[in-house]
Amino acid sequence: MSEVHEQGGTTATRPTMRDALVEAAFGLFSDRGFEQTTIDDIVSLAGVGRRSFFRYFPSKEAVVFPDHDGCLADMTAFLEQADPAGDPVEQVCDAARLVLRMYAGNPAFSVGRYQLTKKVPNLRTHELSVVWRYERTLAGHLRTRYAARADGALRADVIAAAVVAAHNYALRAWLRSGGEGDVGAAVDEALQLVVDTWGDGAAEGRSESQDEEVVVMVARRGTPMWRVVQGVEAALEQ
């Protein structure tokens, strides 16, 4: 977010303190490297004190992921408001798209963060903890919806992991490309695979196939294949 101020009859936009800290941090990470940059360096460049930094970020790693807490809150609220009669798999897939929109909303920042994260093991570890929080939020929604099933917890955790894997597969391909291409379409395709496998429609499709008539034919060993086929055709015609 940015603050809007009137200057001489024109509207000027000034970054918030939080945005200023993020901008200063990434500028220093680019120039010096993550490990060589201290929190004191960041607050000095941003023109604020250490207390201001820790008001927004608990650590230097957290400043690299400034938008995830807000996105996680949005995801939680989205799932809490989801229709109880809706397909829970489609709902968690839609929730995952909130994360996509966050990344796609600022491609340059997202690509830069991805490149930085690849270079710094501590950031990769921090990123994995963020991904885990998203996955637990999706699984929590699914566990509630599948509470009446004997395999509810297992199903919920497996589907949540599948949603995260599908989303991240498409997202990371886009990030590796430098933000080129239609990431929305790629994520939609990946998430559709999850819906087709686990969604309510997939279950109905399996039920319909299970209702189809099954023909079992018993033949002596050595029976010519043409006679086996002839027997199956005769049975189907009955």
C-alpha atoms as a PDB file:
ATOM      1  CA  MET A   1       0.000   0.000   0.000  1.00  0.00           C
ATOM      2  CA  SER A   2       1.072   3.595  -0.527  1.00  0.00           C
ATOM      3  CA  GLU A   3       0.128   6.877   1.077  1.00  0.00           C
ATOM      4  CA  VAL A   4      -1.387   9.598  -1.150  1.00  0.00           C
ATOM      5  CA  HIS A   5      -0.481  13.264  -0.522  1.00  0.00           C
ATOM      6  CA  GLU A   6      -1.421  16.515  -2.197  1.00  0.00           C
ATOM      7  CA  GLN A   7       1.553  18.524  -3.444  1.00  0.00           C
ATOM      8  CA  GLY A   8       0.948  21.810  -5.264  1.00  0.00           C
ATOM      9  CA  GLY A   9      -2.414  20.738  -6.623  1.00  0.00           C
ATOM     10  CA  THR A  10      -1.163  17.345  -7.824  1.00  0.00           C
ATOM     11  CA  THR A  11      -1.488  13.962  -6.190  1.00  0.00           C
ATOM     12  CA  ALA A  12       1.802  12.326  -5.213  1.00  0.00           C
ATOM     13  CA  THR A  13       2.208   8.767  -4.008  1.00  0.00           C
ATOM     14  CA  ARG A  14       4.698   8.041  -1.260  1.00  0.00           C
ATOM     15  CA  PRO A  15       5.584   4.501  -0.247  1.00  0.00           C
ATOM     16  CA  THR A  16       4.542   3.436   3.224  1.00  0.00           C
ATOM     17  CA  MET A  17       7.246   2.678   5.762  1.00  0.00           C
ATOM     18  CA  ARG A  18       6.722  -1.028   5.140  1.00  0.00           C
ATOM     19  CA  ASP A  19       7.148  -0.585   1.383  1.00  0.00           C
ATOM     20  CA  ALA A  20      10.206   1.592   1.946  1.00  0.00           C
ATOM     21  CA  LEU A  21      11.821  -1.144   4.031  1.00  0.00           C
ATOM     22  CA  VAL A  22      11.119  -3.765   1.365  1.00  0.00           C
ATOM     23  CA  GLU A  23      12.480  -1.533  -1.397  1.00  0.00           C
ATOM     24  CA  ALA A  24      15.620  -0.723   0.597  1.00  0.00           C
ATOM     25  CA  ALA A  25      16.184  -4.362   1.476  1.00  0.00           C
ATOM     26  CA  PHE A  26      15.936  -5.632  -2.092  1.00  0.00           C
ATOM     27  CA  GLY A  27      18.158  -2.843  -3.345  1.00  0.00           C
ATOM     28  CA  LEU A  28      20.840  -3.860  -0.864  1.00  0.00           C
ATOM     29  CA  PHE A  29      20.375  -7.571  -1.524  1.00  0.00           C
ATOM     30  CA  SER A  30      20.933  -6.888  -5.206  1.00  0.00           C
ATOM     31  CA  ASP A  31      24.036  -4.762  -4.624  1.00  0.00           C
ATOM     32  CA  ARG A  32      25.701  -6.592  -1.737  1.00  0.00           C
ATOM     33  CA  GLY A  33      24.019  -9.970  -1.444  1.00  0.00           C
ATOM     34  CA  PHE A  34      21.617 -11.207   1.189  1.00  0.00           C
ATOM     35  CA  GLU A  35      24.157 -12.494   3.698  1.00  0.00           C
ATOM     36  CA  GLN A  36      26.257  -9.328   3.512  1.00  0.00           C
ATOM     37  CA  THR A  37      23.282  -7.051   4.203  1.00  0.00           C
ATOM     38  CA  THR A  38      22.335  -6.333   7.814  1.00  0.00           C
ATOM     39  CA  ILE A  39      19.100  -5.042   9.274  1.00  0.00           C
ATOM     40  CA  ASP A  40      21.001  -1.902  10.279  1.00  0.00           C
ATOM     41  CA  ASP A  41      21.917  -1.403   6.610  1.00  0.00           C
ATOM     42  CA  ILE A  42      18.266  -1.719   5.604  1.00  0.00           C
ATOM     43  CA  VAL A  43      16.859   0.703   8.174  1.00  0.00           C
ATOM     44  CA  SER A  44      19.641   3.187   7.449  1.00  0.00           C
ATOM     45  CA  LEU A  45      18.836   3.236   3.738  1.00  0.00           C
ATOM     46  CA  ALA A  46      15.090   3.410   4.437  1.00  0.00           C
ATOM     47  CA  GLY A  47      15.605   6.242   6.899  1.00  0.00           C
ATOM     48  CA  VAL A  48      13.884   4.568   9.861  1.00  0.00           C
ATOM     49  CA  GLY A  49      14.915   2.940  13.130  1.00  0.00           C
ATOM     50  CA  ARG A  50      15.372  -0.721  14.024  1.00  0.00           C
ATOM     51  CA  ARG A  51      12.169  -0.644  16.059  1.00  0.00           C
ATOM     52  CA  SER A  52      10.253   0.296  12.930  1.00  0.00           C
ATOM     53  CA  PHE A  53      11.722  -2.667  11.061  1.00  0.00           C
ATOM     54  CA  PHE A  54      10.660  -5.157  13.717  1.00  0.00           C
ATOM     55  CA  ARG A  55       7.212  -3.622  13.834  1.00  0.00           C
ATOM     56  CA  TYR A  56       6.669  -5.054  10.340  1.00  0.00           C
ATOM     57  CA  PHE A  57       9.095  -7.949  10.036  1.00  0.00           C
ATOM     58  CA  PRO A  58      10.334 -10.442  12.638  1.00  0.00           C
ATOM     59  CA  SER A  59      13.540 -11.188  10.714  1.00  0.00           C
ATOM     60  CA  LYS A  60      15.610 -10.293   7.677  1.00  0.00           C
ATOM     61  CA  GLU A  61      14.227 -13.364   5.900  1.00  0.00           C
ATOM     62  CA  ALA A  62      10.652 -12.156   6.431  1.00  0.00           C
ATOM     63  CA  VAL A  63      11.275  -8.930   4.503  1.00  0.00           C
ATOM     64  CA  VAL A  64      11.791 -11.040   1.379  1.00  0.00           C
ATOM     65  CA  PHE A  65       8.218 -12.347   1.708  1.00  0.00           C
ATOM     66  CA  PRO A  66       6.284  -9.229   2.739  1.00  0.00           C
ATOM     67  CA  ASP A  67       3.013 -10.159   1.079  1.00  0.00           C
ATOM     68  CA  HIS A  68       2.418 -13.715   2.277  1.00  0.00           C
ATOM     69  CA  ASP A  69       0.839 -12.929   5.652  1.00  0.00           C
ATOM     70  CA  GLY A  70      -1.803 -10.797   3.960  1.00  0.00           C
ATOM     71  CA  CYS A  71      -2.400 -13.421   1.289  1.00  0.00           C
ATOM     72  CA  LEU A  72      -2.751 -16.141   3.910  1.00  0.00           C
ATOM     73  CA  ALA A  73      -5.322 -14.025   5.750  1.00  0.00           C
ATOM     74  CA  ASP A  74      -7.230 -13.515   2.483  1.00  0.00           C
ATOM     75  CA  MET A  75      -7.152 -17.250   1.803  1.00  0.00           C
ATOM     76  CA  THR A  76      -8.450 -18.034   5.278  1.00  0.00           C
ATOM     77  CA  ALA A  77     -11.305 -15.542   4.924  1.00  0.00           C
ATOM     78  CA  PHE A  78     -12.145 -16.850   1.442  1.00  0.00           C
ATOM     79  CA  LEU A  79     -12.448 -20.431   2.666  1.00  0.00           C
ATOM     80  CA  GLU A  80     -14.458 -19.419   5.734  1.00  0.00           C
ATOM     81  CA  GLN A  81     -17.009 -17.802   3.419  1.00  0.00           C
ATOM     82  CA  ALA A  82     -17.113 -20.727   0.973  1.00  0.00           C
ATOM     83  CA  ASP A  83     -20.485 -22.299   0.171  1.00  0.00           C
ATOM     84  CA  PRO A  84     -20.929 -25.420   2.371  1.00  0.00           C
ATOM     85  CA  ALA A  85     -22.731 -27.075  -0.550  1.00  0.00           C
ATOM     86  CA  GLY A  86     -19.941 -26.347  -3.046  1.00  0.00           C
ATOM     87  CA  ASP A  87     -17.233 -28.711  -4.256  1.00  0.00           C
ATOM     88  CA  PRO A  88     -14.483 -28.463  -1.610  1.00  0.00           C
ATOM     89  CA  VAL A  89     -11.766 -29.349  -4.115  1.00  0.00           C
ATOM     90  CA  GLU A  90     -12.788 -26.526  -6.435  1.00  0.00           C
ATOM     91  CA  GLN A  91     -12.885 -24.211  -3.423  1.00  0.00           C
ATOM     92  CA  VAL A  92      -9.314 -24.924  -2.343  1.00  0.00           C
ATOM     93  CA  CYS A  93      -8.168 -24.585  -5.950  1.00  0.00           C
ATOM     94  CA  ASP A  94      -9.815 -21.156  -6.107  1.00  0.00           C
ATOM     95  CA  ALA A  95      -8.113 -20.284  -2.828  1.00  0.00           C
ATOM     96  CA  ALA A  96      -4.746 -21.215  -4.340  1.00  0.00           C
ATOM     97  CA  ARG A  97      -5.421 -18.775  -7.175  1.00  0.00           C
ATOM     98  CA  LEU A  98      -5.256 -15.959  -4.612  1.00  0.00           C
ATOM     99  CA  VAL A  99      -1.566 -16.766  -4.209  1.00  0.00           C
ATOM    100  CA  LEU A 100      -1.134 -16.746  -7.968  1.00  0.00           C
ATOM    101  CA  ARG A 101      -2.701 -13.303  -8.255  1.00  0.00           C
ATOM    102  CA  MET A 102      -0.290 -12.012  -5.634  1.00  0.00           C
ATOM    103  CA  TYR A 103       2.703 -13.214  -7.670  1.00  0.00           C
ATOM    104  CA  ALA A 104       1.309 -12.177 -11.037  1.00  0.00           C
ATOM    105  CA  GLY A 105       0.411  -8.719  -9.728  1.00  0.00           C
ATOM    106  CA  ASN A 106       4.097  -7.754  -9.572  1.00  0.00           C
ATOM    107  CA  PRO A 107       6.079  -9.957 -11.973  1.00  0.00           C
ATOM    108  CA  ALA A 108       9.375  -8.097 -11.616  1.00  0.00           C
ATOM    109  CA  PHE A 109       9.358  -8.398  -7.826  1.00  0.00           C
ATOM    110  CA  SER A 110       8.239 -12.032  -7.953  1.00  0.00           C
ATOM    111  CA  VAL A 111      10.946 -13.040 -10.422  1.00  0.00           C
ATOM    112  CA  GLY A 112      13.594 -11.156  -8.445  1.00  0.00           C
ATOM    113  CA  ARG A 113      12.550 -12.855  -5.234  1.00  0.00           C
ATOM    114  CA  TYR A 114      12.599 -16.269  -6.920  1.00  0.00           C
ATOM    115  CA  GLN A 115      16.133 -15.682  -8.194  1.00  0.00           C
ATOM    116  CA  LEU A 116      17.277 -14.486  -4.774  1.00  0.00           C
ATOM    117  CA  THR A 117      15.659 -17.416  -2.984  1.00  0.00           C
ATOM    118  CA  LYS A 118      17.458 -19.912  -5.230  1.00  0.00           C
ATOM    119  CA  LYS A 119      20.796 -18.491  -4.109  1.00  0.00           C
ATOM    120  CA  VAL A 120      20.191 -18.345  -0.333  1.00  0.00           C
ATOM    121  CA  PRO A 121      19.451 -21.591   1.558  1.00  0.00           C
ATOM    122  CA  ASN A 122      17.934 -19.735   4.528  1.00  0.00           C
ATOM    123  CA  LEU A 123      15.413 -18.081   2.239  1.00  0.00           C
ATOM    124  CA  ARG A 124      14.518 -21.407   0.674  1.00  0.00           C
ATOM    125  CA  THR A 125      13.860 -22.804   4.152  1.00  0.00           C
ATOM    126  CA  HIS A 126      11.732 -19.784   5.008  1.00  0.00           C
ATOM    127  CA  GLU A 127       9.808 -20.154   1.751  1.00  0.00           C
ATOM    128  CA  LEU A 128       9.060 -23.805   2.522  1.00  0.00           C
ATOM    129  CA  SER A 129       7.614 -22.770   5.878  1.00  0.00           C
ATOM    130  CA  VAL A 130       5.357 -20.292   4.078  1.00  0.00           C
ATOM    131  CA  VAL A 131       4.211 -22.959   1.616  1.00  0.00           C
ATOM    132  CA  TRP A 132       3.477 -25.281   4.534  1.00  0.00           C
ATOM    133  CA  ARG A 133       1.201 -22.646   6.091  1.00  0.00           C
ATOM    134  CA  TYR A 134      -0.780 -22.385   2.859  1.00  0.00           C
ATOM    135  CA  GLU A 135      -1.051 -26.160   2.635  1.00  0.00           C
ATOM    136  CA  ARG A 136      -2.254 -26.438   6.255  1.00  0.00           C
ATOM    137  CA  THR A 137      -4.908 -23.799   5.602  1.00  0.00           C
ATOM    138  CA  LEU A 138      -6.216 -25.693   2.570  1.00  0.00           C
ATOM    139  CA  ALA A 139      -6.109 -28.990   4.467  1.00  0.00           C
ATOM    140  CA  GLY A 140      -7.991 -27.469   7.392  1.00  0.00           C
ATOM    141  CA  HIS A 141     -10.874 -26.495   5.116  1.00  0.00           C
ATOM    142  CA  LEU A 142     -10.941 -29.931   3.536  1.00  0.00           C
ATOM    143  CA  ARG A 143     -10.802 -31.721   6.892  1.00  0.00           C
ATOM    144  CA  THR A 144     -13.892 -29.826   7.968  1.00  0.00           C
ATOM    145  CA  ARG A 145     -15.733 -30.702   4.772  1.00  0.00           C
ATOM    146  CA  TYR A 146     -14.675 -34.370   4.931  1.00  0.00           C
ATOM    147  CA  ALA A 147     -15.193 -34.773   8.681  1.00  0.00           C
ATOM    148  CA  ALA A 148     -17.902 -37.414   8.192  1.00  0.00           C
ATOM    149  CA  ARG A 149     -15.663 -39.654   6.084  1.00  0.00           C
ATOM    150  CA  ALA A 150     -13.548 -42.396   7.614  1.00  0.00           C
ATOM    151  CA  ASP A 151     -10.661 -41.297   5.381  1.00  0.00           C
ATOM    152  CA  GLY A 152     -11.424 -37.595   5.776  1.00  0.00           C
ATOM    153  CA  ALA A 153      -8.114 -36.496   7.290  1.00  0.00           C
ATOM    154  CA  LEU A 154      -6.061 -38.525   4.814  1.00  0.00           C
ATOM    155  CA  ARG A 155      -8.091 -37.297   1.859  1.00  0.00           C
ATOM    156  CA  ALA A 156      -7.831 -33.696   3.034  1.00  0.00           C
ATOM    157  CA  ASP A 157      -4.057 -33.782   3.439  1.00  0.00           C
ATOM    158  CA  VAL A 158      -3.448 -35.560   0.132  1.00  0.00           C
ATOM    159  CA  ILE A 159      -5.643 -33.147  -1.824  1.00  0.00           C
ATOM    160  CA  ALA A 160      -4.117 -30.088  -0.145  1.00  0.00           C
ATOM    161  CA  ALA A 161      -0.633 -31.327  -1.043  1.00  0.00           C
ATOM    162  CA  ALA A 162      -1.772 -31.971  -4.620  1.00  0.00           C
ATOM    163  CA  VAL A 163      -3.193 -28.442  -4.940  1.00  0.00           C
ATOM    164  CA  VAL A 164       0.045 -26.878  -3.694  1.00  0.00           C
ATOM    165  CA  ALA A 165       2.156 -29.090  -5.956  1.00  0.00           C
ATOM    166  CA  ALA A 166       0.063 -28.311  -9.042  1.00  0.00           C
ATOM    167  CA  HIS A 167       0.011 -24.577  -8.311  1.00  0.00           C
ATOM    168  CA  ASN A 168       3.744 -24.403  -7.650  1.00  0.00           C
ATOM    169  CA  TYR A 169       4.625 -26.498 -10.703  1.00  0.00           C
ATOM    170  CA  ALA A 170       3.052 -23.942 -13.031  1.00  0.00           C
ATOM    171  CA  LEU A 171       4.085 -20.902 -10.992  1.00  0.00           C
ATOM    172  CA  ARG A 172       7.759 -21.852 -10.812  1.00  0.00           C
ATOM    173  CA  ALA A 173       7.905 -22.590 -14.517  1.00  0.00           C
ATOM    174  CA  TRP A 174       6.662 -19.042 -15.078  1.00  0.00           C
ATOM    175  CA  LEU A 175       9.192 -17.611 -12.623  1.00  0.00           C
ATOM    176  CA  ARG A 176      12.041 -19.532 -14.283  1.00  0.00           C
ATOM    177  CA  SER A 177      11.000 -18.023 -17.620  1.00  0.00           C
ATOM    178  CA  GLY A 178      11.392 -14.539 -16.186  1.00  0.00           C
ATOM    179  CA  GLY A 179       7.651 -13.950 -15.956  1.00  0.00           C
ATOM    180  CA  GLU A 180       6.884 -14.694 -19.605  1.00  0.00           C
ATOM    181  CA  GLY A 181       3.658 -16.291 -20.805  1.00  0.00           C
ATOM    182  CA  ASP A 182       0.161 -16.721 -19.418  1.00  0.00           C
ATOM    183  CA  VAL A 183       0.730 -18.016 -15.897  1.00  0.00           C
ATOM    184  CA  GLY A 184      -2.997 -17.930 -15.156  1.00  0.00           C
ATOM    185  CA  ALA A 185      -3.761 -20.408 -17.924  1.00  0.00           C
ATOM    186  CA  ALA A 186      -0.881 -22.649 -16.841  1.00  0.00           C
ATOM    187  CA  VAL A 187      -2.059 -22.729 -13.227  1.00  0.00           C
ATOM    188  CA  ASP A 188      -5.654 -23.340 -14.330  1.00  0.00           C
ATOM    189  CA  GLU A 189      -4.540 -26.353 -16.348  1.00  0.00           C
ATOM    190  CA  ALA A 190      -2.543 -27.764 -13.426  1.00  0.00           C
ATOM    191  CA  LEU A 191      -5.347 -27.246 -10.913  1.00  0.00           C
ATOM    192  CA  GLN A 192      -7.915 -28.758 -13.271  1.00  0.00           C
ATOM    193  CA  LEU A 193      -5.991 -32.009 -13.039  1.00  0.00           C
ATOM    194  CA  VAL A 194      -6.563 -31.982  -9.265  1.00  0.00           C
ATOM    195  CA  VAL A 195     -10.275 -31.258  -9.706  1.00  0.00           C
ATOM    196  CA  ASP A 196     -10.626 -33.995 -12.316  1.00  0.00           C
ATOM    197  CA  THR A 197      -8.941 -36.465  -9.976  1.00  0.00           C
ATOM    198  CA  TRP A 198     -10.488 -35.567  -6.620  1.00  0.00           C
ATOM    199  CA  GLY A 199     -13.463 -33.272  -7.190  1.00  0.00           C
ATOM    200  CA  ASP A 200     -17.130 -34.135  -6.779  1.00  0.00           C
ATOM    201  CA  GLY A 201     -17.493 -34.500 -10.550  1.00  0.00           C
ATOM    202  CA  ALA A 202     -14.682 -37.042 -10.626  1.00  0.00           C
ATOM    203  CA  ALA A 203     -16.411 -39.084  -7.933  1.00  0.00           C
ATOM    204  CA  GLU A 204     -19.659 -39.052  -9.909  1.00  0.00           C
ATOM    205  CA  GLY A 205     -17.805 -40.190 -13.010  1.00  0.00           C
ATOM    206  CA  ARG A 206     -16.301 -43.099 -11.117  1.00  0.00           C
ATOM    207  CA  SER A 207     -19.737 -44.058  -9.757  1.00  0.00           C
ATOM    208  CA  GLU A 208     -21.230 -44.068 -13.243  1.00  0.00           C
ATOM    209  CA  SER A 209     -18.447 -46.298 -14.552  1.00  0.00           C
ATOM    210  CA  GLN A 210     -18.939 -48.638 -11.615  1.00  0.00           C
ATOM    211  CA  ASP A 211     -22.620 -48.995 -12.532  1.00  0.00           C
ATOM    212  CA  GLU A 212     -21.779 -50.231 -16.010  1.00  0.00           C
ATOM    213  CA  GLU A 213     -22.412 -53.911 -16.750  1.00  0.00           C
ATOM    214  CA  VAL A 214     -19.403 -56.182 -16.455  1.00  0.00           C
ATOM    215  CA  VAL A 215     -19.118 -59.319 -18.592  1.00  0.00           C
ATOM    216  CA  VAL A 216     -16.932 -62.181 -17.380  1.00  0.00           C
ATOM    217  CA  MET A 217     -16.106 -64.998 -19.773  1.00  0.00           C
ATOM    218  CA  VAL A 218     -14.528 -68.305 -18.836  1.00  0.00           C
ATOM    219  CA  ALA A 219     -12.697 -70.240 -21.572  1.00  0.00           C
ATOM    220  CA  ARG A 220     -10.518 -73.334 -21.633  1.00  0.00           C
ATOM    221  CA  ARG A 221      -6.806 -72.813 -22.006  1.00  0.00           C
ATOM    222  CA  GLY A 222      -5.882 -72.945 -25.670  1.00  0.00           C
ATOM    223  CA  THR A 223      -9.261 -71.701 -26.884  1.00  0.00           C
ATOM    224  CA  PRO A 224      -8.690 -69.699 -30.099  1.00  0.00           C
ATOM    225  CA  MET A 225      -8.930 -65.934 -29.579  1.00  0.00           C
ATOM    226  CA  TRP A 226     -11.582 -65.628 -32.311  1.00  0.00           C
ATOM    227  CA  ARG A 227     -13.827 -67.951 -30.312  1.00  0.00           C
ATOM    228  CA  VAL A 228     -13.264 -65.909 -27.102  1.00  0.00           C
ATOM    229  CA  VAL A 229     -14.201 -62.713 -28.929  1.00  0.00           C
ATOM    230  CA  GLN A 230     -17.234 -64.434 -30.410  1.00  0.00           C
ATOM    231  CA  GLY A 231     -18.365 -65.496 -26.958  1.00  0.00           C
ATOM    232  CA  VAL A 232     -17.991 -61.963 -25.528  1.00  0.00           C
ATOM    233  CA  GLU A 233     -19.964 -60.498 -28.433  1.00  0.00           C
ATOM    234  CA  ALA A 234     -22.732 -63.026 -27.901  1.00  0.00           C
ATOM    235  CA  ALA A 235     -22.927 -62.178 -24.218  1.00  0.00           C
ATOM    236  CA  LEU A 236     -23.126 -58.434 -24.928  1.00  0.00           C
ATOM    237  CA  GLU A 237     -25.961 -58.987 -27.385  1.00  0.00           C
ATOM    238  CA  GLN A 238     -28.105 -60.741 -24.762  1.00  0.00           C
END
